[in-house]
Protein backbone atom coordinates (compact mmCIF):
# COMPACT_ATOMS: atom_id res chain seq x y z
CA MET A 1 17.07 -7.55 40.66
CA ALA A 2 14.83 -6.04 38.01
CA LYS A 3 14.63 -2.48 36.71
CA ALA A 4 11.68 -0.15 36.61
CA THR A 5 11.19 3.48 35.67
CA PHE A 6 9.64 5.89 38.14
CA ARG A 7 8.20 9.08 36.68
CA ILE A 8 8.22 11.51 39.61
CA TRP A 9 6.90 15.05 39.70
CA ARG A 10 9.60 17.57 40.63
CA GLY A 11 8.93 21.19 41.32
CA ASP A 12 7.31 23.62 43.72
CA ALA A 13 4.38 26.05 43.98
CA SER A 14 5.61 27.98 40.93
CA GLY A 15 5.57 24.94 38.68
CA GLY A 16 7.41 21.76 37.77
CA ASN A 17 7.48 18.66 35.58
CA PHE A 18 7.90 14.91 35.63
CA ARG A 19 11.35 13.33 35.56
CA ASP A 20 12.14 9.72 34.84
CA TYR A 21 14.32 7.75 37.22
CA PRO A 22 15.31 4.17 36.32
CA SER A 23 15.88 2.17 39.47
CA GLU A 24 16.48 -1.41 40.54
CA VAL A 25 13.62 -3.08 42.36
CA SER A 26 13.39 -6.32 44.27
CA GLU A 27 10.78 -8.57 45.78
CA GLY A 28 8.81 -7.12 48.65
CA MET A 29 9.48 -3.46 47.84
CA VAL A 30 6.85 -0.77 48.19
CA VAL A 31 6.70 2.50 46.30
CA LEU A 32 8.21 4.39 49.21
CA ASP A 33 11.25 2.06 49.12
CA ALA A 34 11.81 2.96 45.48
CA VAL A 35 11.43 6.68 46.20
CA HIS A 36 13.96 6.42 49.02
CA ALA A 37 16.41 4.56 46.77
CA ILE A 38 16.08 7.25 44.09
CA GLN A 39 16.45 9.97 46.72
CA ALA A 40 19.65 8.35 48.03
CA GLU A 41 21.26 7.50 44.71
CA GLN A 42 19.97 9.94 42.07
CA ALA A 43 18.05 12.89 43.56
CA ASN A 44 19.40 13.87 46.96
CA ASP A 45 17.33 17.06 46.95
CA MET A 46 13.96 15.40 46.34
CA ALA A 47 11.39 16.26 49.01
CA VAL A 48 9.14 13.50 50.31
CA ARG A 49 7.14 13.33 53.52
CA TRP A 50 7.04 10.08 55.49
CA ASN A 51 7.31 8.80 59.04
CA CYS A 52 6.23 5.35 60.18
CA LYS A 53 6.43 3.31 56.93
CA ALA A 54 3.70 1.13 58.43
CA GLY A 55 0.50 2.70 57.11
CA LYS A 56 -0.40 4.36 60.39
CA CYS A 57 0.90 7.92 60.28
CA GLY A 58 -0.70 9.03 57.01
CA SER A 59 2.36 11.07 56.02
CA CYS A 60 3.35 9.53 52.70
CA SER A 61 0.17 10.21 50.77
CA ALA A 62 0.66 10.70 47.04
CA GLU A 63 -0.95 9.80 43.73
CA ILE A 64 0.46 6.64 42.13
CA ASN A 65 -0.55 6.13 38.51
CA GLY A 66 -3.30 8.69 39.15
CA MET A 67 -4.77 6.98 42.24
CA PRO A 68 -4.44 8.54 45.73
CA LYS A 69 -2.55 6.03 47.87
CA LEU A 70 -0.07 5.66 50.72
CA MET A 71 3.37 5.05 49.18
CA CYS A 72 4.36 2.79 52.07
CA MET A 73 1.35 0.50 51.55
CA THR A 74 1.53 0.21 47.75
CA ARG A 75 3.56 -2.84 46.76
CA LEU A 76 5.44 -2.81 43.48
CA SER A 77 4.20 -6.35 42.88
CA GLU A 78 0.70 -4.83 42.48
CA ILE A 79 1.86 -2.45 39.71
CA ASP A 80 2.66 -3.04 36.03
CA LEU A 81 6.38 -2.26 36.00
CA THR A 82 6.67 -2.63 32.22
CA GLN A 83 5.34 0.96 32.10
CA PRO A 84 6.73 3.98 33.96
CA VAL A 85 5.26 4.30 37.48
CA THR A 86 3.90 7.84 37.83
CA ILE A 87 4.25 9.39 41.29
CA GLN A 88 2.94 12.88 42.00
CA PRO A 89 1.80 14.95 45.00
CA MET A 90 -1.84 15.11 46.03
CA GLN A 91 -3.59 17.39 43.56
CA ALA A 92 -6.22 18.86 45.90
CA PHE A 93 -3.70 20.73 48.03
CA PRO A 94 -1.12 23.47 47.33
CA LYS A 95 2.26 22.15 46.35
CA ILE A 96 5.25 22.91 48.57
CA ARG A 97 8.03 20.96 46.83
CA ASP A 98 8.18 17.73 44.85
CA LEU A 99 5.92 15.19 46.59
CA VAL A 100 5.13 17.39 49.60
CA THR A 101 1.88 19.38 49.79
CA ASP A 102 0.46 21.90 52.23
CA VAL A 103 -2.36 20.13 54.10
CA SER A 104 -2.71 22.77 56.85
CA TRP A 105 -6.21 23.69 55.61
CA ASN A 106 -7.44 20.42 57.08
CA PHE A 107 -6.30 21.34 60.56
CA ARG A 108 -7.98 24.73 60.31
CA VAL A 109 -11.23 22.98 59.27
CA LYS A 110 -11.07 20.68 62.28
CA LYS A 111 -11.11 23.67 64.63
CA THR A 112 -14.47 24.77 63.20
CA ILE A 113 -16.25 21.60 64.34
CA ALA A 114 -17.94 21.78 67.73
CA PRO A 115 -15.83 19.70 70.14
CA PHE A 116 -16.90 16.75 72.27
CA LYS A 117 -19.39 17.80 74.95
CA PRO A 118 -20.15 15.07 77.51
CA ARG A 119 -23.65 14.81 78.87
CA ALA A 120 -24.28 14.65 82.57
CA ALA A 121 -23.17 11.40 84.21
CA ASP A 122 -26.05 9.01 84.92
CA ALA A 123 -24.44 6.79 87.56
CA PRO A 124 -23.71 7.53 91.23
CA ASP A 125 -19.98 7.11 90.68
CA GLY A 126 -19.89 9.91 88.09
CA THR A 127 -19.70 7.66 85.03
CA TRP A 128 -22.08 6.76 82.23
CA ARG A 129 -24.10 3.70 81.30
CA VAL A 130 -24.20 2.94 77.56
CA GLN A 131 -25.09 0.02 75.34
CA GLN A 132 -22.26 -1.90 73.68
CA GLU A 133 -23.78 -1.46 70.23
CA ASP A 134 -23.80 2.31 70.72
CA ILE A 135 -20.09 2.19 71.50
CA GLU A 136 -19.29 0.01 68.51
CA ARG A 137 -21.08 2.18 65.95
CA PRO A 138 -18.66 5.15 65.96
CA GLN A 139 -15.60 3.04 66.80
CA GLU A 140 -14.86 2.47 63.10
CA PHE A 141 -14.30 6.21 62.58
CA ARG A 142 -11.52 6.30 65.15
CA LYS A 143 -9.30 4.29 62.79
CA CYS A 144 -8.73 7.40 60.62
CA ILE A 145 -5.02 8.23 60.30
CA GLU A 146 -5.64 11.62 58.63
CA CYS A 147 -3.77 10.77 55.47
CA PHE A 148 -6.25 13.06 53.67
CA LEU A 149 -6.53 10.78 50.66
CA CYS A 150 -10.29 11.01 50.91
CA GLN A 151 -10.02 14.80 50.85
CA ASP A 152 -7.70 14.58 47.84
CA VAL A 153 -10.05 12.41 45.76
CA CYS A 154 -13.24 14.32 46.69
CA HIS A 155 -14.37 16.20 43.59
CA VAL A 156 -15.96 18.99 45.64
CA ILE A 157 -12.51 19.94 46.94
CA ARG A 158 -10.33 18.71 44.07
CA ASP A 159 -12.32 19.94 41.06
CA HIS A 160 -14.46 22.74 42.45
CA GLY A 161 -12.24 24.10 45.21
CA LEU A 162 -15.12 24.74 47.62
CA THR A 163 -12.83 24.74 50.63
CA ASP A 164 -14.60 27.70 52.23
CA GLU A 165 -17.97 25.92 52.06
CA PHE A 166 -17.26 22.20 52.45
CA ILE A 167 -15.31 20.38 55.15
CA GLY A 168 -14.75 17.18 53.14
CA PRO A 169 -15.19 13.47 53.91
CA ARG A 170 -12.47 13.27 56.54
CA PHE A 171 -14.24 15.79 58.72
CA LEU A 172 -17.67 14.44 58.04
CA VAL A 173 -16.26 11.20 59.52
CA TYR A 174 -14.89 13.18 62.46
CA THR A 175 -18.30 14.83 62.95
CA ALA A 176 -20.05 11.45 62.73
CA ALA A 177 -17.75 10.08 65.45
CA LEU A 178 -18.88 12.88 67.75
CA GLU A 179 -22.57 12.86 66.75
CA MET A 180 -22.84 9.08 67.24
CA ASN A 181 -20.96 9.03 70.55
CA PRO A 182 -23.56 7.94 73.14
CA ILE A 183 -21.99 10.24 75.76
CA ASP A 184 -21.82 13.36 73.62
CA ALA A 185 -24.48 16.01 74.17
CA GLY A 186 -23.45 18.34 71.39
CA ASP A 187 -25.53 19.18 68.34
CA ARG A 188 -23.77 19.74 65.02
CA VAL A 189 -26.70 19.19 62.63
CA ASP A 190 -27.29 22.89 61.97
CA ASP A 191 -23.57 23.41 61.24
CA LEU A 192 -23.53 20.44 58.85
CA LYS A 193 -26.10 22.17 56.67
CA LYS A 194 -25.25 25.85 57.13
CA LYS A 195 -21.49 25.90 57.65
CA HIS A 196 -19.97 22.60 56.62
CA GLY A 197 -21.68 22.02 53.29
CA ILE A 198 -22.79 18.43 53.63
CA GLY A 199 -25.28 19.08 50.80
CA TYR A 200 -22.41 19.31 48.33
CA CYS A 201 -21.56 15.63 48.80
CA ASN A 202 -23.35 13.53 46.16
CA ILE A 203 -22.19 10.21 47.69
CA THR A 204 -20.07 8.97 44.79
CA LYS A 205 -18.11 6.81 47.29
CA CYS A 206 -14.74 7.79 45.84
CA CYS A 207 -13.58 8.63 49.38
CA THR A 208 -14.50 5.17 50.65
CA LYS A 209 -12.59 3.58 47.80
CA VAL A 210 -9.24 5.21 48.63
CA CYS A 211 -9.36 4.91 52.44
CA PRO A 212 -6.34 2.82 53.57
CA GLU A 213 -8.09 1.96 56.83
CA HIS A 214 -11.17 0.67 54.92
CA ILE A 215 -13.55 2.97 56.77
CA THR A 216 -16.98 2.84 55.16
CA ILE A 217 -17.04 6.62 54.92
CA THR A 218 -20.07 7.10 52.72
CA ASP A 219 -22.51 4.50 54.02
CA ASN A 220 -21.66 4.59 57.72
CA ALA A 221 -20.80 8.26 58.27
CA ILE A 222 -21.96 10.63 55.53
CA ILE A 223 -25.35 9.13 54.70
CA PRO A 224 -26.45 8.94 58.38
CA LEU A 225 -25.42 12.60 58.82
CA LYS A 226 -27.38 13.53 55.68
CA GLU A 227 -30.38 11.75 57.15
CA ARG A 228 -30.14 13.80 60.31
CA VAL A 229 -30.02 17.00 58.28
CA ALA A 230 -32.96 15.87 56.15
CA ASP A 231 -35.00 14.95 59.23
CA ARG A 232 -34.45 18.36 60.83
CA PHE A 233 -34.78 20.66 57.83
CA TYR A 234 -36.92 18.84 55.28
CA ASP A 235 -39.30 16.54 57.14
CA PRO A 236 -42.73 18.22 56.54
CA VAL A 237 -44.18 17.14 59.90
CA LYS A 238 -41.20 18.48 61.82
CA ARG A 239 -41.22 21.71 59.83
CA LEU A 240 -44.87 22.29 60.77
CA PHE A 241 -44.04 21.52 64.36
CA ARG A 242 -41.31 24.16 64.35
CA VAL A 243 -43.65 26.70 62.77
CA PHE A 244 -46.27 26.25 65.48
CA THR A 245 -43.87 25.99 68.38
CA GLY A 246 -41.46 28.65 67.20
CA GLY A 247 -38.59 26.15 67.43
């Protein structure tokens, strides 16, 4: 057994501070293991959200040494334990208590996105015929576990607080999954520009960097959506066409 110090933020919406907890660590432990040990032995009242401990529920999101991560997927062997390990709640969302934040804004945002709208079936048996490559393209986006780490690290939300004007990378991925679905007949391009603020994203790729499911958020979802918006609103030929057709 070795010892390490964990500097954990304690407090609530009214304020708080970091407290140091020395704790024994052993081979194979993850940050969530250490938090649970501290909770059991030193801080019974510490609030922490978790569920599966397998990197699939997205519940245990936090910031570890300043980087948004899942506590259950961050091994202590990957961290310099000669220095205190800082653990704090996600900074982009309102604090509830200790490591728990209020992420309900994300669920309200999801309701503003036009839902899946299947096109008419094109086969006699009432099903659809699609190409395999068209199925594979949006499949990556379905891996999202809604940990909201990408939302947390996004500077538009975190630093500028434009939550009334920008839906964030998680929901641009969700929109891309619908827009690229070969069966979907919906059209969300106008909303992307006028309601969902895709123009605020300056493709820094910080969201892609923190995604625990390794979704290529920027290149595969956000940039293609930006291209659709650009084609519709800024292509000079199409703009002239709309002027003359009244479209």
